[in-house]
Amino acid sequence: YLQVYLPRSGRWEGEAGVFHTDVTDGPTFELELARDRLPVVHATPGQQ
């Protein structure tokens, strides 16, 4: 969902930020949102 559907929507126009999806006893996926850029998904977190 994060890899396909968020970037499919185009460039992010909202407030920049970093969004974590934390699976219980599993991985944490990091979504990086920067204005005027496509969302970027990292399979491992690296930012607050």
ModelCIF file with pLDDT and N, C-alpha, C, O atoms, coordinates in Angstrom:
data_MODEL
#
_entry.id   MODEL 
#
_entity.id                         1 
_entity.type                       polymer 
_entity.pdbx_number_of_molecules   1 
#
_entity_poly.entity_id                      1 
_entity_poly.type                           'polypeptide(L)' 
_entity_poly.nstd_linkage                   no 
_entity_poly.nstd_monomer                   no 
_entity_poly.pdbx_seq_one_letter_code       YLQVYLPRSGRWEGEAGVFHTDVTDGPTFELELARDRLPVVHATPGQQ 
_entity_poly.pdbx_seq_one_letter_code_can   YLQVYLPRSGRWEGEAGVFHTDVTDGPTFELELARDRLPVVHATPGQQ 
_entity_poly.pdbx_strand_id                 A 
#
loop_
_entity_poly_seq.entity_id 
_entity_poly_seq.num 
_entity_poly_seq.mon_id 
_entity_poly_seq.hetero 
1 1  TYR n 
1 2  LEU n 
1 3  GLN n 
1 4  VAL n 
1 5  TYR n 
1 6  LEU n 
1 7  PRO n 
1 8  ARG n 
1 9  SER n 
1 10 GLY n 
1 11 ARG n 
1 12 TRP n 
1 13 GLU n 
1 14 GLY n 
1 15 GLU n 
1 16 ALA n 
1 17 GLY n 
1 18 VAL n 
1 19 PHE n 
1 20 HIS n 
1 21 THR n 
1 22 ASP n 
1 23 VAL n 
1 24 THR n 
1 25 ASP n 
1 26 GLY n 
1 27 PRO n 
1 28 THR n 
1 29 PHE n 
1 30 GLU n 
1 31 LEU n 
1 32 GLU n 
1 33 LEU n 
1 34 ALA n 
1 35 ARG n 
1 36 ASP n 
1 37 ARG n 
1 38 LEU n 
1 39 PRO n 
1 40 VAL n 
1 41 VAL n 
1 42 HIS n 
1 43 ALA n 
1 44 THR n 
1 45 PRO n 
1 46 GLY n 
1 47 GLN n 
1 48 GLN n 
#
_struct_asym.id          A 
_struct_asym.entity_id   1 
#
loop_
_ma_qa_metric.id 
_ma_qa_metric.mode 
_ma_qa_metric.name 
_ma_qa_metric.software_group_id 
_ma_qa_metric.type 
1 global pLDDT . pLDDT 
2 local  pLDDT . pLDDT 
#
_ma_qa_metric_global.metric_id      1 
_ma_qa_metric_global.metric_value   95.27 
_ma_qa_metric_global.model_id       1 
_ma_qa_metric_global.ordinal_id     1 
#
loop_
_ma_qa_metric_local.label_asym_id 
_ma_qa_metric_local.label_comp_id 
_ma_qa_metric_local.label_seq_id 
_ma_qa_metric_local.metric_id 
_ma_qa_metric_local.metric_value 
_ma_qa_metric_local.model_id 
_ma_qa_metric_local.ordinal_id 
A TYR 1  2 96.00 1 1  
A LEU 2  2 96.00 1 2  
A GLN 3  2 94.00 1 3  
A VAL 4  2 93.00 1 4  
A TYR 5  2 90.00 1 5  
A LEU 6  2 90.00 1 6  
A PRO 7  2 91.00 1 7  
A ARG 8  2 89.00 1 8  
A SER 9  2 89.00 1 9  
A GLY 10 2 92.00 1 10 
A ARG 11 2 94.00 1 11 
A TRP 12 2 96.00 1 12 
A GLU 13 2 94.00 1 13 
A GLY 14 2 94.00 1 14 
A GLU 15 2 96.00 1 15 
A ALA 16 2 97.00 1 16 
A GLY 17 2 98.00 1 17 
A VAL 18 2 98.00 1 18 
A PHE 19 2 98.00 1 19 
A HIS 20 2 98.00 1 20 
A THR 21 2 98.00 1 21 
A ASP 22 2 98.00 1 22 
A VAL 23 2 98.00 1 23 
A THR 24 2 97.00 1 24 
A ASP 25 2 96.00 1 25 
A GLY 26 2 97.00 1 26 
A PRO 27 2 98.00 1 27 
A THR 28 2 98.00 1 28 
A PHE 29 2 98.00 1 29 
A GLU 30 2 98.00 1 30 
A LEU 31 2 97.00 1 31 
A GLU 32 2 97.00 1 32 
A LEU 33 2 97.00 1 33 
A ALA 34 2 97.00 1 34 
A ARG 35 2 96.00 1 35 
A ASP 36 2 96.00 1 36 
A ARG 37 2 95.00 1 37 
A LEU 38 2 93.00 1 38 
A PRO 39 2 95.00 1 39 
A VAL 40 2 95.00 1 40 
A VAL 41 2 95.00 1 41 
A HIS 42 2 95.00 1 42 
A ALA 43 2 92.00 1 43 
A THR 44 2 92.00 1 44 
A PRO 45 2 95.00 1 45 
A GLY 46 2 94.00 1 46 
A GLN 47 2 96.00 1 47 
A GLN 48 2 97.00 1 48 
#
loop_
_atom_site.group_PDB 
_atom_site.id 
_atom_site.type_symbol 
_atom_site.label_atom_id 
_atom_site.label_alt_id 
_atom_site.label_comp_id 
_atom_site.label_asym_id 
_atom_site.label_entity_id 
_atom_site.label_seq_id 
_atom_site.pdbx_PDB_ins_code 
_atom_site.Cartn_x 
_atom_site.Cartn_y 
_atom_site.Cartn_z 
_atom_site.occupancy 
_atom_site.B_iso_or_equiv 
_atom_site.pdbx_formal_charge 
_atom_site.auth_seq_id 
_atom_site.auth_comp_id 
_atom_site.auth_asym_id 
_atom_site.auth_atom_id 
_atom_site.pdbx_PDB_model_num 
ATOM 1   N N  . TYR A 1 1  ? 0.838  -1.202 0.000  1.00 96.00 ? 1  TYR A N  1 
ATOM 2   C CA . TYR A 1 1  ? 0.000  0.000  0.000  1.00 96.00 ? 1  TYR A CA 1 
ATOM 3   C C  . TYR A 1 1  ? 0.875  1.255  0.000  1.00 96.00 ? 1  TYR A C  1 
ATOM 4   O O  . TYR A 1 1  ? 0.647  2.185  -0.774 1.00 96.00 ? 1  TYR A O  1 
ATOM 5   N N  . LEU A 1 2  ? 1.875  1.265  0.875  1.00 96.00 ? 2  LEU A N  1 
ATOM 6   C CA . LEU A 1 2  ? 2.744  2.440  0.985  1.00 96.00 ? 2  LEU A CA 1 
ATOM 7   C C  . LEU A 1 2  ? 3.595  2.627  -0.266 1.00 96.00 ? 2  LEU A C  1 
ATOM 8   O O  . LEU A 1 2  ? 3.832  3.756  -0.695 1.00 96.00 ? 2  LEU A O  1 
ATOM 9   N N  . GLN A 1 3  ? 4.054  1.529  -0.849 1.00 94.00 ? 3  GLN A N  1 
ATOM 10  C CA . GLN A 1 3  ? 4.917  1.613  -2.026 1.00 94.00 ? 3  GLN A CA 1 
ATOM 11  C C  . GLN A 1 3  ? 4.170  1.973  -3.291 1.00 94.00 ? 3  GLN A C  1 
ATOM 12  O O  . GLN A 1 3  ? 4.711  2.654  -4.162 1.00 94.00 ? 3  GLN A O  1 
ATOM 13  N N  . VAL A 1 4  ? 2.921  1.519  -3.403 1.00 93.00 ? 4  VAL A N  1 
ATOM 14  C CA . VAL A 1 4  ? 2.191  1.651  -4.663 1.00 93.00 ? 4  VAL A CA 1 
ATOM 15  C C  . VAL A 1 4  ? 1.182  2.792  -4.636 1.00 93.00 ? 4  VAL A C  1 
ATOM 16  O O  . VAL A 1 4  ? 1.165  3.621  -5.545 1.00 93.00 ? 4  VAL A O  1 
ATOM 17  N N  . TYR A 1 5  ? 0.343  2.844  -3.605 1.00 90.00 ? 5  TYR A N  1 
ATOM 18  C CA . TYR A 1 5  ? -0.798 3.751  -3.653 1.00 90.00 ? 5  TYR A CA 1 
ATOM 19  C C  . TYR A 1 5  ? -0.473 5.182  -3.234 1.00 90.00 ? 5  TYR A C  1 
ATOM 20  O O  . TYR A 1 5  ? -1.042 6.126  -3.783 1.00 90.00 ? 5  TYR A O  1 
ATOM 21  N N  . LEU A 1 6  ? 0.420  5.357  -2.285 1.00 90.00 ? 6  LEU A N  1 
ATOM 22  C CA . LEU A 1 6  ? 0.774  6.726  -1.921 1.00 90.00 ? 6  LEU A CA 1 
ATOM 23  C C  . LEU A 1 6  ? 1.541  7.431  -3.046 1.00 90.00 ? 6  LEU A C  1 
ATOM 24  O O  . LEU A 1 6  ? 1.158  8.541  -3.415 1.00 90.00 ? 6  LEU A O  1 
ATOM 25  N N  . PRO A 1 7  ? 2.599  6.845  -3.605 1.00 91.00 ? 7  PRO A N  1 
ATOM 26  C CA . PRO A 1 7  ? 3.278  7.534  -4.717 1.00 91.00 ? 7  PRO A CA 1 
ATOM 27  C C  . PRO A 1 7  ? 2.390  7.710  -5.944 1.00 91.00 ? 7  PRO A C  1 
ATOM 28  O O  . PRO A 1 7  ? 2.576  8.651  -6.716 1.00 91.00 ? 7  PRO A O  1 
ATOM 29  N N  . ARG A 1 8  ? 1.430  6.811  -6.126 1.00 89.00 ? 8  ARG A N  1 
ATOM 30  C CA . ARG A 1 8  ? 0.526  6.907  -7.273 1.00 89.00 ? 8  ARG A CA 1 
ATOM 31  C C  . ARG A 1 8  ? -0.275 8.200  -7.250 1.00 89.00 ? 8  ARG A C  1 
ATOM 32  O O  . ARG A 1 8  ? -0.752 8.664  -8.285 1.00 89.00 ? 8  ARG A O  1 
ATOM 33  N N  . SER A 1 9  ? -0.417 8.771  -6.076 1.00 89.00 ? 9  SER A N  1 
ATOM 34  C CA . SER A 1 9  ? -1.224 9.974  -5.932 1.00 89.00 ? 9  SER A CA 1 
ATOM 35  C C  . SER A 1 9  ? -0.491 11.239 -6.362 1.00 89.00 ? 9  SER A C  1 
ATOM 36  O O  . SER A 1 9  ? -1.093 12.311 -6.424 1.00 89.00 ? 9  SER A O  1 
ATOM 37  N N  . GLY A 1 10 ? 0.797  11.126 -6.657 1.00 92.00 ? 10 GLY A N  1 
ATOM 38  C CA . GLY A 1 10 ? 1.540  12.285 -7.125 1.00 92.00 ? 10 GLY A CA 1 
ATOM 39  C C  . GLY A 1 10 ? 2.384  12.939 -6.044 1.00 92.00 ? 10 GLY A C  1 
ATOM 40  O O  . GLY A 1 10 ? 2.704  12.321 -5.029 1.00 92.00 ? 10 GLY A O  1 
ATOM 41  N N  . ARG A 1 11 ? 2.736  14.178 -6.272 1.00 94.00 ? 11 ARG A N  1 
ATOM 42  C CA . ARG A 1 11 ? 3.610  14.899 -5.348 1.00 94.00 ? 11 ARG A CA 1 
ATOM 43  C C  . ARG A 1 11 ? 2.826  15.365 -4.120 1.00 94.00 ? 11 ARG A C  1 
ATOM 44  O O  . ARG A 1 11 ? 1.673  15.787 -4.216 1.00 94.00 ? 11 ARG A O  1 
ATOM 45  N N  . TRP A 1 12 ? 3.473  15.278 -2.991 1.00 96.00 ? 12 TRP A N  1 
ATOM 46  C CA . TRP A 1 12 ? 2.866  15.681 -1.730 1.00 96.00 ? 12 TRP A CA 1 
ATOM 47  C C  . TRP A 1 12 ? 2.846  17.202 -1.633 1.00 96.00 ? 12 TRP A C  1 
ATOM 48  O O  . TRP A 1 12 ? 3.870  17.852 -1.844 1.00 96.00 ? 12 TRP A O  1 
ATOM 49  N N  . GLU A 1 13 ? 1.691  17.769 -1.316 1.00 94.00 ? 13 GLU A N  1 
ATOM 50  C CA . GLU A 1 13 ? 1.547  19.218 -1.228 1.00 94.00 ? 13 GLU A CA 1 
ATOM 51  C C  . GLU A 1 13 ? 1.276  19.688 0.193  1.00 94.00 ? 13 GLU A C  1 
ATOM 52  O O  . GLU A 1 13 ? 1.102  20.883 0.433  1.00 94.00 ? 13 GLU A O  1 
ATOM 53  N N  . GLY A 1 14 ? 1.240  18.747 1.140  1.00 94.00 ? 14 GLY A N  1 
ATOM 54  C CA . GLY A 1 14 ? 0.932  19.120 2.515  1.00 94.00 ? 14 GLY A CA 1 
ATOM 55  C C  . GLY A 1 14 ? 2.176  19.435 3.332  1.00 94.00 ? 14 GLY A C  1 
ATOM 56  O O  . GLY A 1 14 ? 3.257  19.677 2.796  1.00 94.00 ? 14 GLY A O  1 
ATOM 57  N N  . GLU A 1 15 ? 1.989  19.424 4.634  1.00 96.00 ? 15 GLU A N  1 
ATOM 58  C CA . GLU A 1 15 ? 3.096  19.696 5.551  1.00 96.00 ? 15 GLU A CA 1 
ATOM 59  C C  . GLU A 1 15 ? 4.071  18.522 5.538  1.00 96.00 ? 15 GLU A C  1 
ATOM 60  O O  . GLU A 1 15 ? 3.669  17.362 5.627  1.00 96.00 ? 15 GLU A O  1 
ATOM 61  N N  . ALA A 1 16 ? 5.357  18.845 5.427  1.00 97.00 ? 16 ALA A N  1 
ATOM 62  C CA . ALA A 1 16 ? 6.379  17.798 5.376  1.00 97.00 ? 16 ALA A CA 1 
ATOM 63  C C  . ALA A 1 16 ? 6.434  17.050 6.704  1.00 97.00 ? 16 ALA A C  1 
ATOM 64  O O  . ALA A 1 16 ? 6.123  17.601 7.760  1.00 97.00 ? 16 ALA A O  1 
ATOM 65  N N  . GLY A 1 17 ? 6.833  15.794 6.628  1.00 98.00 ? 17 GLY A N  1 
ATOM 66  C CA . GLY A 1 17 ? 6.962  15.021 7.855  1.00 98.00 ? 17 GLY A CA 1 
ATOM 67  C C  . GLY A 1 17 ? 7.363  13.587 7.586  1.00 98.00 ? 17 GLY A C  1 
ATOM 68  O O  . GLY A 1 17 ? 7.451  13.150 6.439  1.00 98.00 ? 17 GLY A O  1 
ATOM 69  N N  . VAL A 1 18 ? 7.604  12.864 8.666  1.00 98.00 ? 18 VAL A N  1 
ATOM 70  C CA . VAL A 1 18 ? 7.977  11.450 8.614  1.00 98.00 ? 18 VAL A CA 1 
ATOM 71  C C  . VAL A 1 18 ? 6.916  10.658 9.361  1.00 98.00 ? 18 VAL A C  1 
ATOM 72  O O  . VAL A 1 18 ? 6.535  11.006 10.479 1.00 98.00 ? 18 VAL A O  1 
ATOM 73  N N  . PHE A 1 19 ? 6.441  9.585  8.728  1.00 98.00 ? 19 PHE A N  1 
ATOM 74  C CA . PHE A 1 19 ? 5.308  8.817  9.233  1.00 98.00 ? 19 PHE A CA 1 
ATOM 75  C C  . PHE A 1 19 ? 5.751  7.361  9.379  1.00 98.00 ? 19 PHE A C  1 
ATOM 76  O O  . PHE A 1 19 ? 6.180  6.746  8.403  1.00 98.00 ? 19 PHE A O  1 
ATOM 77  N N  . HIS A 1 20 ? 5.652  6.806  10.583 1.00 98.00 ? 20 HIS A N  1 
ATOM 78  C CA . HIS A 1 20 ? 6.011  5.411  10.807 1.00 98.00 ? 20 HIS A CA 1 
ATOM 79  C C  . HIS A 1 20 ? 4.766  4.532  10.933 1.00 98.00 ? 20 HIS A C  1 
ATOM 80  O O  . HIS A 1 20 ? 3.798  4.898  11.599 1.00 98.00 ? 20 HIS A O  1 
ATOM 81  N N  . THR A 1 21 ? 4.807  3.386  10.292 1.00 98.00 ? 21 THR A N  1 
ATOM 82  C CA . THR A 1 21 ? 3.805  2.334  10.474 1.00 98.00 ? 21 THR A CA 1 
ATOM 83  C C  . THR A 1 21 ? 4.507  1.189  11.189 1.00 98.00 ? 21 THR A C  1 
ATOM 84  O O  . THR A 1 21 ? 5.347  0.506  10.605 1.00 98.00 ? 21 THR A O  1 
ATOM 85  N N  . ASP A 1 22 ? 4.161  0.983  12.445 1.00 98.00 ? 22 ASP A N  1 
ATOM 86  C CA . ASP A 1 22 ? 4.877  0.068  13.333 1.00 98.00 ? 22 ASP A CA 1 
ATOM 87  C C  . ASP A 1 22 ? 4.051  -1.190 13.571 1.00 98.00 ? 22 ASP A C  1 
ATOM 88  O O  . ASP A 1 22 ? 3.042  -1.153 14.275 1.00 98.00 ? 22 ASP A O  1 
ATOM 89  N N  . VAL A 1 23 ? 4.482  -2.305 12.983 1.00 98.00 ? 23 VAL A N  1 
ATOM 90  C CA . VAL A 1 23 ? 3.787  -3.577 13.137 1.00 98.00 ? 23 VAL A CA 1 
ATOM 91  C C  . VAL A 1 23 ? 4.211  -4.233 14.446 1.00 98.00 ? 23 VAL A C  1 
ATOM 92  O O  . VAL A 1 23 ? 5.405  -4.391 14.698 1.00 98.00 ? 23 VAL A O  1 
ATOM 93  N N  . THR A 1 24 ? 3.254  -4.616 15.278 1.00 97.00 ? 24 THR A N  1 
ATOM 94  C CA . THR A 1 24 ? 3.558  -5.264 16.555 1.00 97.00 ? 24 THR A CA 1 
ATOM 95  C C  . THR A 1 24 ? 4.443  -6.490 16.325 1.00 97.00 ? 24 THR A C  1 
ATOM 96  O O  . THR A 1 24 ? 4.109  -7.374 15.537 1.00 97.00 ? 24 THR A O  1 
ATOM 97  N N  . ASP A 1 25 ? 5.575  -6.523 17.026 1.00 96.00 ? 25 ASP A N  1 
ATOM 98  C CA . ASP A 1 25 ? 6.524  -7.642 16.896 1.00 96.00 ? 25 ASP A CA 1 
ATOM 99  C C  . ASP A 1 25 ? 6.946  -7.873 15.454 1.00 96.00 ? 25 ASP A C  1 
ATOM 100 O O  . ASP A 1 25 ? 7.248  -9.000 15.060 1.00 96.00 ? 25 ASP A O  1 
ATOM 101 N N  . GLY A 1 26 ? 6.966  -6.796 14.667 1.00 97.00 ? 26 GLY A N  1 
ATOM 102 C CA . GLY A 1 26 ? 7.337  -6.907 13.260 1.00 97.00 ? 26 GLY A CA 1 
ATOM 103 C C  . GLY A 1 26 ? 8.084  -5.672 12.798 1.00 97.00 ? 26 GLY A C  1 
ATOM 104 O O  . GLY A 1 26 ? 8.628  -4.935 13.620 1.00 97.00 ? 26 GLY A O  1 
ATOM 105 N N  . PRO A 1 27 ? 8.120  -5.438 11.509 1.00 98.00 ? 27 PRO A N  1 
ATOM 106 C CA . PRO A 1 27 ? 8.883  -4.307 10.970 1.00 98.00 ? 27 PRO A CA 1 
ATOM 107 C C  . PRO A 1 27 ? 8.201  -2.969 11.203 1.00 98.00 ? 27 PRO A C  1 
ATOM 108 O O  . PRO A 1 27 ? 7.010  -2.902 11.510 1.00 98.00 ? 27 PRO A O  1 
ATOM 109 N N  . THR A 1 28 ? 8.975  -1.913 11.051 1.00 98.00 ? 28 THR A N  1 
ATOM 110 C CA . THR A 1 28 ? 8.461  -0.553 11.014 1.00 98.00 ? 28 THR A CA 1 
ATOM 111 C C  . THR A 1 28 ? 8.776  0.025  9.643  1.00 98.00 ? 28 THR A C  1 
ATOM 112 O O  . THR A 1 28 ? 9.931  0.050  9.220  1.00 98.00 ? 28 THR A O  1 
ATOM 113 N N  . PHE A 1 29 ? 7.743  0.488  8.955  1.00 98.00 ? 29 PHE A N  1 
ATOM 114 C CA . PHE A 1 29 ? 7.915  1.085  7.633  1.00 98.00 ? 29 PHE A CA 1 
ATOM 115 C C  . PHE A 1 29 ? 7.883  2.604  7.779  1.00 98.00 ? 29 PHE A C  1 
ATOM 116 O O  . PHE A 1 29 ? 7.026  3.158  8.467  1.00 98.00 ? 29 PHE A O  1 
ATOM 117 N N  . GLU A 1 30 ? 8.827  3.260  7.126  1.00 98.00 ? 30 GLU A N  1 
ATOM 118 C CA . GLU A 1 30 ? 8.958  4.710  7.251  1.00 98.00 ? 30 GLU A CA 1 
ATOM 119 C C  . GLU A 1 30 ? 8.520  5.391  5.957  1.00 98.00 ? 30 GLU A C  1 
ATOM 120 O O  . GLU A 1 30 ? 9.014  5.077  4.874  1.00 98.00 ? 30 GLU A O  1 
ATOM 121 N N  . LEU A 1 31 ? 7.597  6.314  6.091  1.00 97.00 ? 31 LEU A N  1 
ATOM 122 C CA . LEU A 1 31 ? 7.096  7.101  4.966  1.00 97.00 ? 31 LEU A CA 1 
ATOM 123 C C  . LEU A 1 31 ? 7.612  8.527  5.116  1.00 97.00 ? 31 LEU A C  1 
ATOM 124 O O  . LEU A 1 31 ? 7.325  9.207  6.101  1.00 97.00 ? 31 LEU A O  1 
ATOM 125 N N  . GLU A 1 32 ? 8.380  8.966  4.121  1.00 97.00 ? 32 GLU A N  1 
ATOM 126 C CA . GLU A 1 32 ? 8.952  10.312 4.135  1.00 97.00 ? 32 GLU A CA 1 
ATOM 127 C C  . GLU A 1 32 ? 8.165  11.200 3.172  1.00 97.00 ? 32 GLU A C  1 
ATOM 128 O O  . GLU A 1 32 ? 8.076  10.909 1.979  1.00 97.00 ? 32 GLU A O  1 
ATOM 129 N N  . LEU A 1 33 ? 7.600  12.279 3.698  1.00 97.00 ? 33 LEU A N  1 
ATOM 130 C CA . LEU A 1 33 ? 6.774  13.183 2.905  1.00 97.00 ? 33 LEU A CA 1 
ATOM 131 C C  . LEU A 1 33 ? 7.424  14.560 2.869  1.00 97.00 ? 33 LEU A C  1 
ATOM 132 O O  . LEU A 1 33 ? 7.556  15.228 3.895  1.00 97.00 ? 33 LEU A O  1 
ATOM 133 N N  . ALA A 1 34 ? 7.823  14.969 1.679  1.00 97.00 ? 34 ALA A N  1 
ATOM 134 C CA . ALA A 1 34 ? 8.434  16.281 1.482  1.00 97.00 ? 34 ALA A CA 1 
ATOM 135 C C  . ALA A 1 34 ? 7.631  17.034 0.427  1.00 97.00 ? 34 ALA A C  1 
ATOM 136 O O  . ALA A 1 34 ? 7.222  16.459 -0.582 1.00 97.00 ? 34 ALA A O  1 
ATOM 137 N N  . ARG A 1 35 ? 7.411  18.309 0.665  1.00 96.00 ? 35 ARG A N  1 
ATOM 138 C CA . ARG A 1 35 ? 6.578  19.103 -0.241 1.00 96.00 ? 35 ARG A CA 1 
ATOM 139 C C  . ARG A 1 35 ? 7.140  19.083 -1.664 1.00 96.00 ? 35 ARG A C  1 
ATOM 140 O O  . ARG A 1 35 ? 8.345  19.207 -1.885 1.00 96.00 ? 35 ARG A O  1 
ATOM 141 N N  . ASP A 1 36 ? 6.215  18.922 -2.623 1.00 96.00 ? 36 ASP A N  1 
ATOM 142 C CA . ASP A 1 36 ? 6.523  18.912 -4.052 1.00 96.00 ? 36 ASP A CA 1 
ATOM 143 C C  . ASP A 1 36 ? 7.363  17.719 -4.485 1.00 96.00 ? 36 ASP A C  1 
ATOM 144 O O  . ASP A 1 36 ? 7.978  17.743 -5.551 1.00 96.00 ? 36 ASP A O  1 
ATOM 145 N N  . ARG A 1 37 ? 7.389  16.670 -3.658 1.00 95.00 ? 37 ARG A N  1 
ATOM 146 C CA . ARG A 1 37 ? 8.107  15.455 -4.028 1.00 95.00 ? 37 ARG A CA 1 
ATOM 147 C C  . ARG A 1 37 ? 7.197  14.239 -3.856 1.00 95.00 ? 37 ARG A C  1 
ATOM 148 O O  . ARG A 1 37 ? 6.246  14.268 -3.075 1.00 95.00 ? 37 ARG A O  1 
ATOM 149 N N  . LEU A 1 38 ? 7.502  13.174 -4.595 1.00 93.00 ? 38 LEU A N  1 
ATOM 150 C CA . LEU A 1 38 ? 6.763  11.938 -4.403 1.00 93.00 ? 38 LEU A CA 1 
ATOM 151 C C  . LEU A 1 38 ? 7.081  11.348 -3.034 1.00 93.00 ? 38 LEU A C  1 
ATOM 152 O O  . LEU A 1 38 ? 8.214  11.462 -2.567 1.00 93.00 ? 38 LEU A O  1 
ATOM 153 N N  . PRO A 1 39 ? 6.109  10.723 -2.386 1.00 95.00 ? 39 PRO A N  1 
ATOM 154 C CA . PRO A 1 39 ? 6.394  10.043 -1.119 1.00 95.00 ? 39 PRO A CA 1 
ATOM 155 C C  . PRO A 1 39 ? 7.461  8.976  -1.315 1.00 95.00 ? 39 PRO A C  1 
ATOM 156 O O  . PRO A 1 39 ? 7.519  8.309  -2.348 1.00 95.00 ? 39 PRO A O  1 
ATOM 157 N N  . VAL A 1 40 ? 8.303  8.830  -0.300 1.00 95.00 ? 40 VAL A N  1 
ATOM 158 C CA . VAL A 1 40 ? 9.371  7.832  -0.331 1.00 95.00 ? 40 VAL A CA 1 
ATOM 159 C C  . VAL A 1 40 ? 9.155  6.882  0.836  1.00 95.00 ? 40 VAL A C  1 
ATOM 160 O O  . VAL A 1 40 ? 8.930  7.321  1.964  1.00 95.00 ? 40 VAL A O  1 
ATOM 161 N N  . VAL A 1 41 ? 9.223  5.571  0.568  1.00 95.00 ? 41 VAL A N  1 
ATOM 162 C CA . VAL A 1 41 ? 9.020  4.562  1.599  1.00 95.00 ? 41 VAL A CA 1 
ATOM 163 C C  . VAL A 1 41 ? 10.341 3.846  1.875  1.00 95.00 ? 41 VAL A C  1 
ATOM 164 O O  . VAL A 1 41 ? 11.031 3.410  0.952  1.00 95.00 ? 41 VAL A O  1 
ATOM 165 N N  . HIS A 1 42 ? 10.681 3.732  3.158  1.00 95.00 ? 42 HIS A N  1 
ATOM 166 C CA . HIS A 1 42 ? 11.865 2.996  3.580  1.00 95.00 ? 42 HIS A CA 1 
ATOM 167 C C  . HIS A 1 42 ? 11.401 1.774  4.367  1.00 95.00 ? 42 HIS A C  1 
ATOM 168 O O  . HIS A 1 42 ? 10.567 1.876  5.266  1.00 95.00 ? 42 HIS A O  1 
ATOM 169 N N  . ALA A 1 43 ? 11.955 0.625  4.015  1.00 92.00 ? 43 ALA A N  1 
ATOM 170 C CA . ALA A 1 43 ? 11.561 -0.619 4.685  1.00 92.00 ? 43 ALA A CA 1 
ATOM 171 C C  . ALA A 1 43 ? 12.076 -0.704 6.112  1.00 92.00 ? 43 ALA A C  1 
ATOM 172 O O  . ALA A 1 43 ? 11.595 -1.521 6.898  1.00 92.00 ? 43 ALA A O  1 
ATOM 173 N N  . THR A 1 44 ? 13.049 0.132  6.454  1.00 92.00 ? 44 THR A N  1 
ATOM 174 C CA . THR A 1 44 ? 13.529 0.226  7.840  1.00 92.00 ? 44 THR A CA 1 
ATOM 175 C C  . THR A 1 44 ? 13.587 1.696  8.215  1.00 92.00 ? 44 THR A C  1 
ATOM 176 O O  . THR A 1 44 ? 13.936 2.528  7.377  1.00 92.00 ? 44 THR A O  1 
ATOM 177 N N  . PRO A 1 45 ? 13.252 2.038  9.456  1.00 95.00 ? 45 PRO A N  1 
ATOM 178 C CA . PRO A 1 45 ? 13.225 3.441  9.860  1.00 95.00 ? 45 PRO A CA 1 
ATOM 179 C C  . PRO A 1 45 ? 14.626 4.007  10.047 1.00 95.00 ? 45 PRO A C  1 
ATOM 180 O O  . PRO A 1 45 ? 15.560 3.298  10.421 1.00 95.00 ? 45 PRO A O  1 
ATOM 181 N N  . GLY A 1 46 ? 14.746 5.311  9.775  1.00 94.00 ? 46 GLY A N  1 
ATOM 182 C CA . GLY A 1 46 ? 16.028 5.980  9.982  1.00 94.00 ? 46 GLY A CA 1 
ATOM 183 C C  . GLY A 1 46 ? 15.885 7.379  10.514 1.00 94.00 ? 46 GLY A C  1 
ATOM 184 O O  . GLY A 1 46 ? 16.886 8.053  10.759 1.00 94.00 ? 46 GLY A O  1 
ATOM 185 N N  . GLN A 1 47 ? 14.634 7.841  10.704 1.00 96.00 ? 47 GLN A N  1 
ATOM 186 C CA . GLN A 1 47 ? 14.394 9.208  11.138 1.00 96.00 ? 47 GLN A CA 1 
ATOM 187 C C  . GLN A 1 47 ? 13.388 9.231  12.285 1.00 96.00 ? 47 GLN A C  1 
ATOM 188 O O  . GLN A 1 47 ? 12.609 8.296  12.469 1.00 96.00 ? 47 GLN A O  1 
ATOM 189 N N  . GLN A 1 48 ? 13.424 10.305 13.039 1.00 97.00 ? 48 GLN A N  1 
ATOM 190 C CA . GLN A 1 48 ? 12.458 10.500 14.103 1.00 97.00 ? 48 GLN A CA 1 
ATOM 191 C C  . GLN A 1 48 ? 11.089 10.777 13.486 1.00 97.00 ? 48 GLN A C  1 
ATOM 192 O O  . GLN A 1 48 ? 10.114 10.974 14.211 1.00 97.00 ? 48 GLN A O  1 
#
